[in-house]
Amino acid sequence: MKRIFATLVAVLLAAPLAAQRPSDPALLIPEVAPELDYVVAPSAVTLPAGVTMGATAAVAFDAKGHIWVLARGETTFFEFDENGTYLRSFGERMTRAHGLRIDREGNLWATDVGAHTVMKVSPQGQVLMTLGTKGQAGMWDEAAGTRLFNQPNDIAIAPNGDVFVIQGHTPGPGGDARVIKFDRTGKYLTQWGGKGNGPGQFQVAHGAAIDAKGLLWVVDRENQRIQVFDQNGKYVREMKYAGLPCAVDIGKQYVYMVNGFAGQLLRLDLNGKVLAALGKPGKGPGEFGEAHFMAVSPKDEIYVADSVNGALVKFIKK
C-alpha cells in the first residue's frame, strides 16, 4: 500500500502546472471495485498530416454520433465521424478550455475556465452567444447589474433547453463554487451553492449531468461526492466516493464517472453505487495523468479526455 501511495504522489507532482492539483493526498486513493469489462482501443481518432490537436479538455457526441473534442491548443473544436476520422476543426485558442456539451440543435456549449466565459457555438463555428465577460471573474448578480462567472467548469442542458453552468475550479478558500441557471436564450433564472461542505455547498463544482428523472447531478470534486438537486436547486441527496470525482455521463442502464488524478474510469448504477472500475495513474495504455471528462458513444464505446497526458483515450467492450 505504501508503494502504491508513493507512486500516486509521484504522478501527481509530475503533473503540469495547468492541472489543478488536489489539496489533500487522500484524493489520490482510488475506488476499489471489480474490474470494468472494457479494454483500451488502439486509437481514438486519426488526424491528417499537418493537423495537430492540443491536450484534450473534454469530449462529447452529437445526434449523428460524431465525436467532438474540446482541445487546449491553437484550435479549439475538433469534429470526427463515428469511426474517429477527422472531419474539420475551428475556433481560436481559449485561455483554458474546460467543459463541452451539445444541445438538441447540435450547438456546442463550451466553458473557458481561465477567461470566465461560456460560449454557444454553431456546428459551423459561428459564435451565437457568450455569457460572462472575458478575463473578468466575479458574481452573477442581476440586481447589481454584474453578470460575471468565476471559473465556469461544465454545463448541463435540460430537455427544454435550460442551461446549468457549474463553476468554481479553485479548491480551498476563495472562489465561488455554485450552479447558475439560464434559459435557452441566456436569460438568468436562478442560482445556488457557495463554498463549503454542507448540503448544497461545493468545494469544486466540476462536472454535471441530468438524469432521466430530470434531476441535476453535480460533481463536487474535492468534497469527493456527487450532489443531486431538482432543477430549481432543491437538494435531494449525495453519494460519496474515494478519489477525485470529475465528470459523469448518465445513460439508460449505467452512469460512468472519471476519477481525476486517482486515474480511474468507473461504472455506477443509476443510484450512483460503484459497480466496476479500471485504470490507474500513469502514461501507459489504460492509465491516466488526469481522467478529466468523458462521454459514451451510441455504440457504448467510452472516450476519456486526459488533460494531463494530453490524450483522448477510447475504451471498447472486451
Protein backbone atom coordinates (compact mmCIF):
# COMPACT_ATOMS: atom_id res chain seq x y z
CA MET A 1 0.00 0.00 0.00
CA LYS A 2 2.86 2.43 0.83
CA ARG A 3 4.45 1.75 -2.55
CA ILE A 4 1.15 2.38 -4.36
CA PHE A 5 0.61 5.61 -2.47
CA ALA A 6 4.15 6.78 -3.24
CA THR A 7 3.54 6.12 -6.94
CA LEU A 8 0.32 8.12 -6.84
CA VAL A 9 2.05 11.07 -5.21
CA ALA A 10 4.89 10.95 -7.75
CA VAL A 11 2.42 11.08 -10.64
CA LEU A 12 0.60 13.98 -9.01
CA LEU A 13 3.77 16.00 -8.52
CA ALA A 14 4.81 15.36 -12.11
CA ALA A 15 1.58 16.88 -13.45
CA PRO A 16 1.95 20.21 -15.25
CA LEU A 17 1.08 23.45 -13.52
CA ALA A 18 -2.00 23.83 -15.73
CA ALA A 19 -3.66 20.95 -13.87
CA GLN A 20 -5.47 21.79 -10.65
CA ARG A 21 -3.67 19.56 -8.18
CA PRO A 22 -5.78 18.23 -5.30
CA SER A 23 -5.13 19.78 -1.91
CA ASP A 24 -5.46 16.54 0.06
CA PRO A 25 -3.34 13.40 -0.62
CA ALA A 26 -6.37 11.29 0.31
CA LEU A 27 -7.90 12.40 -3.00
CA LEU A 28 -5.36 10.19 -4.78
CA ILE A 29 -6.61 6.96 -3.22
CA PRO A 30 -8.79 5.16 -5.81
CA GLU A 31 -12.08 3.35 -5.54
CA VAL A 32 -11.82 -0.42 -5.02
CA ALA A 33 -14.23 -2.30 -7.27
CA PRO A 34 -14.42 -5.29 -9.66
CA GLU A 35 -12.67 -4.81 -12.99
CA LEU A 36 -14.66 -2.99 -15.67
CA ASP A 37 -15.27 -5.11 -18.77
CA TYR A 38 -13.60 -2.67 -21.19
CA VAL A 39 -10.17 -2.51 -22.83
CA VAL A 40 -8.19 0.28 -24.48
CA ALA A 41 -8.66 0.62 -28.24
CA PRO A 42 -5.53 1.14 -30.38
CA SER A 43 -6.53 4.72 -31.20
CA ALA A 44 -9.46 7.03 -30.54
CA VAL A 45 -9.23 9.38 -33.53
CA THR A 46 -6.97 10.00 -36.52
CA LEU A 47 -5.61 13.35 -37.64
CA PRO A 48 -4.42 14.15 -41.18
CA ALA A 49 -0.87 15.26 -41.86
CA GLY A 50 -0.28 18.82 -40.77
CA VAL A 51 -3.20 18.93 -38.30
CA THR A 52 -2.40 18.90 -34.60
CA MET A 53 -4.70 18.85 -31.60
CA GLY A 54 -3.74 20.20 -28.20
CA ALA A 55 -4.35 18.48 -24.89
CA THR A 56 -7.92 17.22 -24.65
CA ALA A 57 -10.10 19.03 -22.12
CA ALA A 58 -13.49 17.45 -22.89
CA VAL A 59 -15.33 15.19 -25.33
CA ALA A 60 -18.99 14.91 -26.38
CA PHE A 61 -21.20 13.23 -29.00
CA ASP A 62 -23.78 14.87 -31.24
CA ALA A 63 -27.03 13.36 -32.53
CA LYS A 64 -25.21 11.83 -35.53
CA GLY A 65 -22.79 10.01 -33.26
CA HIS A 66 -19.94 12.28 -34.30
CA ILE A 67 -17.16 12.87 -31.79
CA TRP A 68 -16.44 16.45 -30.74
CA VAL A 69 -13.29 17.29 -28.80
CA LEU A 70 -12.55 20.50 -26.92
CA ALA A 71 -8.78 20.99 -27.07
CA ARG A 72 -6.22 23.22 -25.36
CA GLY A 73 -4.32 24.19 -28.47
CA GLU A 74 -4.25 26.79 -31.22
CA THR A 75 -7.54 25.33 -32.50
CA THR A 76 -10.31 24.58 -30.02
CA PHE A 77 -13.09 22.46 -31.60
CA PHE A 78 -12.46 19.20 -33.49
CA GLU A 79 -15.11 17.08 -35.18
CA PHE A 80 -14.63 13.39 -36.09
CA ASP A 81 -17.08 10.90 -37.54
CA GLU A 82 -18.33 7.88 -35.60
CA ASN A 83 -15.20 5.94 -36.58
CA GLY A 84 -12.81 8.65 -35.39
CA THR A 85 -11.99 10.01 -38.84
CA TYR A 86 -11.15 13.71 -38.85
CA LEU A 87 -13.77 15.95 -40.44
CA ARG A 88 -12.83 19.51 -39.50
CA SER A 89 -11.67 21.86 -36.78
CA PHE A 90 -12.20 25.51 -35.94
CA GLY A 91 -12.13 28.07 -33.15
CA GLU A 92 -9.35 30.21 -31.71
CA ARG A 93 -7.38 29.13 -28.66
CA MET A 94 -9.20 29.59 -25.37
CA THR A 95 -7.47 30.83 -22.24
CA ARG A 96 -8.12 27.42 -20.67
CA ALA A 97 -10.70 25.23 -22.40
CA HIS A 98 -12.57 23.06 -19.93
CA GLY A 99 -16.10 21.69 -20.47
CA LEU A 100 -18.13 20.80 -23.58
CA ARG A 101 -21.80 19.89 -24.09
CA ILE A 102 -24.02 19.70 -27.19
CA ASP A 103 -27.68 20.74 -27.25
CA ARG A 104 -30.52 19.20 -29.26
CA GLU A 105 -29.90 21.57 -32.18
CA GLY A 106 -26.27 20.45 -32.37
CA ASN A 107 -24.87 23.68 -30.93
CA LEU A 108 -21.66 23.43 -28.89
CA TRP A 109 -21.60 24.89 -25.39
CA ALA A 110 -18.05 25.31 -24.10
CA THR A 111 -16.58 26.75 -20.92
CA ASP A 112 -13.35 28.70 -20.68
CA VAL A 113 -12.36 28.37 -17.03
CA GLY A 114 -9.47 30.79 -17.45
CA ALA A 115 -11.40 33.53 -19.26
CA HIS A 116 -14.55 33.11 -17.08
CA THR A 117 -16.85 32.71 -20.08
CA VAL A 118 -19.32 30.27 -21.61
CA MET A 119 -19.77 30.21 -25.39
CA LYS A 120 -22.57 28.80 -27.51
CA VAL A 121 -21.17 27.95 -30.95
CA SER A 122 -22.99 26.61 -34.02
CA PRO A 123 -21.76 23.36 -35.61
CA GLN A 124 -20.38 25.56 -38.41
CA GLY A 125 -18.24 27.53 -35.94
CA GLN A 126 -20.29 30.71 -35.55
CA VAL A 127 -20.33 32.14 -32.02
CA LEU A 128 -24.03 32.51 -31.22
CA MET A 129 -23.79 33.67 -27.60
CA THR A 130 -21.20 34.50 -24.99
CA LEU A 131 -22.10 34.58 -21.30
CA GLY A 132 -19.76 36.33 -18.89
CA THR A 133 -17.01 38.83 -19.70
CA LYS A 134 -13.67 37.58 -20.93
CA GLY A 135 -10.95 37.98 -18.34
CA GLN A 136 -13.26 39.19 -15.57
CA ALA A 137 -14.16 36.99 -12.60
CA GLY A 138 -16.98 37.96 -10.26
CA MET A 139 -20.53 37.41 -9.13
CA TRP A 140 -23.63 36.93 -11.25
CA ASP A 141 -25.90 39.45 -9.55
CA GLU A 142 -28.84 40.68 -11.62
CA ALA A 143 -29.87 43.27 -9.01
CA ALA A 144 -26.41 44.82 -9.01
CA GLY A 145 -26.07 44.52 -12.79
CA THR A 146 -22.97 42.33 -12.59
CA ARG A 147 -23.12 39.33 -14.89
CA LEU A 148 -19.84 37.55 -14.29
CA PHE A 149 -18.71 33.96 -13.80
CA ASN A 150 -15.94 32.69 -11.56
CA GLN A 151 -14.19 29.79 -13.31
CA PRO A 152 -17.03 28.04 -15.19
CA ASN A 153 -16.21 24.33 -15.44
CA ASP A 154 -19.09 22.50 -17.10
CA ILE A 155 -22.60 22.80 -18.49
CA ALA A 156 -25.70 20.65 -18.23
CA ILE A 157 -28.56 21.18 -20.69
CA ALA A 158 -32.15 20.22 -19.79
CA PRO A 159 -34.56 18.80 -22.40
CA ASN A 160 -36.37 22.16 -22.54
CA GLY A 161 -33.09 23.93 -23.29
CA ASP A 162 -32.40 25.39 -19.86
CA VAL A 163 -28.67 25.64 -19.22
CA PHE A 164 -26.93 24.99 -15.90
CA VAL A 165 -23.41 26.45 -15.62
CA ILE A 166 -21.26 24.73 -12.98
CA GLN A 167 -18.48 26.98 -11.71
CA GLY A 168 -15.65 27.26 -9.18
CA HIS A 169 -12.43 25.43 -10.05
CA THR A 170 -10.16 26.51 -7.21
CA PRO A 171 -10.38 24.42 -4.00
CA GLY A 172 -9.96 25.82 -0.50
CA PRO A 173 -10.59 29.43 0.50
CA GLY A 174 -11.69 31.84 -2.19
CA GLY A 175 -13.54 31.16 -5.39
CA ASP A 176 -17.28 30.93 -5.80
CA ALA A 177 -18.37 27.35 -6.43
CA ARG A 178 -22.03 27.26 -7.43
CA VAL A 179 -24.67 26.44 -10.07
CA ILE A 180 -26.12 29.26 -12.19
CA LYS A 181 -29.22 28.51 -14.29
CA PHE A 182 -30.28 30.21 -17.54
CA ASP A 183 -32.97 29.62 -20.12
CA ARG A 184 -32.09 28.68 -23.70
CA THR A 185 -31.76 32.37 -24.68
CA GLY A 186 -29.25 33.11 -21.91
CA LYS A 187 -31.77 34.77 -19.59
CA TYR A 188 -30.77 34.34 -15.95
CA LEU A 189 -33.18 32.22 -13.88
CA THR A 190 -31.65 31.25 -10.52
CA GLN A 191 -28.51 30.07 -8.72
CA TRP A 192 -27.39 28.19 -5.64
CA GLY A 193 -24.29 26.92 -3.87
CA GLY A 194 -21.28 28.64 -2.38
CA LYS A 195 -18.11 27.33 -0.74
CA GLY A 196 -18.48 24.70 1.94
CA ASN A 197 -19.02 21.06 2.82
CA GLY A 198 -22.70 21.10 3.72
CA PRO A 199 -25.69 20.08 1.60
CA GLY A 200 -25.93 22.37 -1.42
CA GLN A 201 -22.42 23.75 -0.97
CA PHE A 202 -19.35 22.87 -3.04
CA GLN A 203 -15.58 22.88 -2.86
CA VAL A 204 -15.06 22.42 -6.61
CA ALA A 205 -18.26 22.13 -8.67
CA HIS A 206 -16.51 20.38 -11.57
CA GLY A 207 -18.99 18.40 -13.68
CA ALA A 208 -22.73 17.94 -14.19
CA ALA A 209 -25.37 15.85 -15.94
CA ILE A 210 -29.16 15.47 -15.92
CA ASP A 211 -30.72 12.05 -15.35
CA ALA A 212 -33.90 10.53 -16.80
CA LYS A 213 -35.95 11.92 -13.88
CA GLY A 214 -34.77 15.43 -14.68
CA LEU A 215 -32.53 15.63 -11.61
CA LEU A 216 -29.24 17.50 -11.84
CA TRP A 217 -26.13 15.61 -10.69
CA VAL A 218 -23.29 17.97 -9.72
CA VAL A 219 -19.81 16.52 -9.22
CA ASP A 220 -18.42 18.20 -6.08
CA ARG A 221 -14.82 17.22 -6.69
CA GLU A 222 -12.77 18.00 -3.54
CA ASN A 223 -15.72 17.05 -1.33
CA GLN A 224 -15.48 13.60 -3.00
CA ARG A 225 -19.16 13.42 -3.77
CA ILE A 226 -21.94 13.90 -6.26
CA GLN A 227 -24.84 16.04 -5.09
CA VAL A 228 -28.27 15.66 -6.66
CA PHE A 229 -30.77 18.54 -7.00
CA ASP A 230 -34.03 19.26 -8.70
CA GLN A 231 -33.81 21.87 -11.43
CA ASN A 232 -34.71 24.69 -9.05
CA GLY A 233 -31.82 23.88 -6.73
CA LYS A 234 -33.65 21.83 -4.09
CA TYR A 235 -31.18 19.40 -2.52
CA VAL A 236 -32.17 15.73 -2.92
CA ARG A 237 -29.22 13.58 -1.82
CA GLU A 238 -25.50 12.93 -2.14
CA MET A 239 -23.22 10.00 -2.99
CA LYS A 240 -19.68 9.80 -1.59
CA TYR A 241 -16.64 8.39 -3.43
CA ALA A 242 -12.95 7.71 -2.96
CA GLY A 243 -10.59 9.55 -5.26
CA LEU A 244 -11.32 12.75 -7.14
CA PRO A 245 -14.68 12.62 -8.98
CA CYS A 246 -14.53 14.87 -12.04
CA ALA A 247 -17.36 14.23 -14.51
CA VAL A 248 -20.26 11.88 -15.23
CA ASP A 249 -22.19 10.54 -18.22
CA ILE A 250 -25.67 9.23 -17.35
CA GLY A 251 -27.09 6.56 -19.65
CA LYS A 252 -30.23 4.40 -19.63
CA GLN A 253 -28.58 1.49 -17.79
CA TYR A 254 -25.41 2.86 -16.18
CA VAL A 255 -23.66 6.02 -15.09
CA TYR A 256 -19.97 6.37 -15.93
CA MET A 257 -17.64 8.62 -13.97
CA VAL A 258 -13.99 9.65 -14.32
CA ASN A 259 -11.92 9.91 -11.16
CA GLY A 260 -9.34 12.62 -11.86
CA PHE A 261 -5.83 12.14 -10.51
CA ALA A 262 -6.86 8.81 -8.99
CA GLY A 263 -6.76 7.73 -12.64
CA GLN A 264 -9.96 5.73 -12.94
CA LEU A 265 -12.98 5.17 -15.13
CA LEU A 266 -15.90 3.94 -13.01
CA ARG A 267 -19.23 2.33 -13.79
CA LEU A 268 -22.08 3.22 -11.40
CA ASP A 269 -25.67 2.09 -11.23
CA LEU A 270 -28.42 4.67 -11.73
CA ASN A 271 -28.40 5.39 -7.99
CA GLY A 272 -24.68 6.16 -8.01
CA LYS A 273 -23.35 2.92 -6.49
CA VAL A 274 -19.91 1.89 -7.81
CA LEU A 275 -20.10 -1.37 -9.78
CA ALA A 276 -16.74 -1.60 -11.59
CA ALA A 277 -13.54 0.31 -12.29
CA LEU A 278 -10.45 0.36 -14.47
CA GLY A 279 -7.34 2.47 -14.79
CA LYS A 280 -4.62 3.93 -12.59
CA PRO A 281 -2.23 6.90 -12.69
CA GLY A 282 0.46 6.64 -15.36
CA LYS A 283 1.19 7.06 -19.05
CA GLY A 284 0.68 3.51 -20.30
CA PRO A 285 -2.38 2.01 -22.02
CA GLY A 286 -5.41 2.38 -19.77
CA GLU A 287 -3.56 4.75 -17.42
CA PHE A 288 -4.28 8.43 -16.87
CA GLY A 289 -2.46 11.62 -15.98
CA GLU A 290 -5.87 13.06 -15.15
CA ALA A 291 -9.13 11.39 -16.15
CA HIS A 292 -10.83 14.76 -16.73
CA PHE A 293 -14.02 14.40 -18.81
CA MET A 294 -15.67 11.53 -20.62
CA ALA A 295 -18.55 10.59 -22.91
CA VAL A 296 -20.21 7.34 -24.00
CA SER A 297 -20.88 6.84 -27.71
CA PRO A 298 -24.13 5.45 -29.19
CA LYS A 299 -22.18 2.18 -29.65
CA ASP A 300 -21.29 2.09 -25.92
CA GLU A 301 -17.68 2.99 -26.57
CA ILE A 302 -16.22 5.20 -23.84
CA TYR A 303 -13.97 8.16 -24.61
CA VAL A 304 -11.94 9.82 -21.86
CA ALA A 305 -10.24 13.21 -22.17
CA ASP A 306 -6.96 13.07 -20.26
CA SER A 307 -5.98 16.70 -19.75
CA VAL A 308 -2.53 15.93 -18.29
CA ASN A 309 -1.30 13.24 -20.67
CA GLY A 310 -2.96 15.27 -23.42
CA ALA A 311 -4.68 12.23 -24.89
CA LEU A 312 -8.16 11.17 -25.95
CA VAL A 313 -8.47 7.53 -24.87
CA LYS A 314 -11.06 5.13 -26.31
CA PHE A 315 -12.33 2.08 -24.45
CA ILE A 316 -14.29 -0.77 -26.05
CA LYS A 317 -16.05 -3.75 -24.52
CA LYS A 318 -13.99 -6.90 -24.07
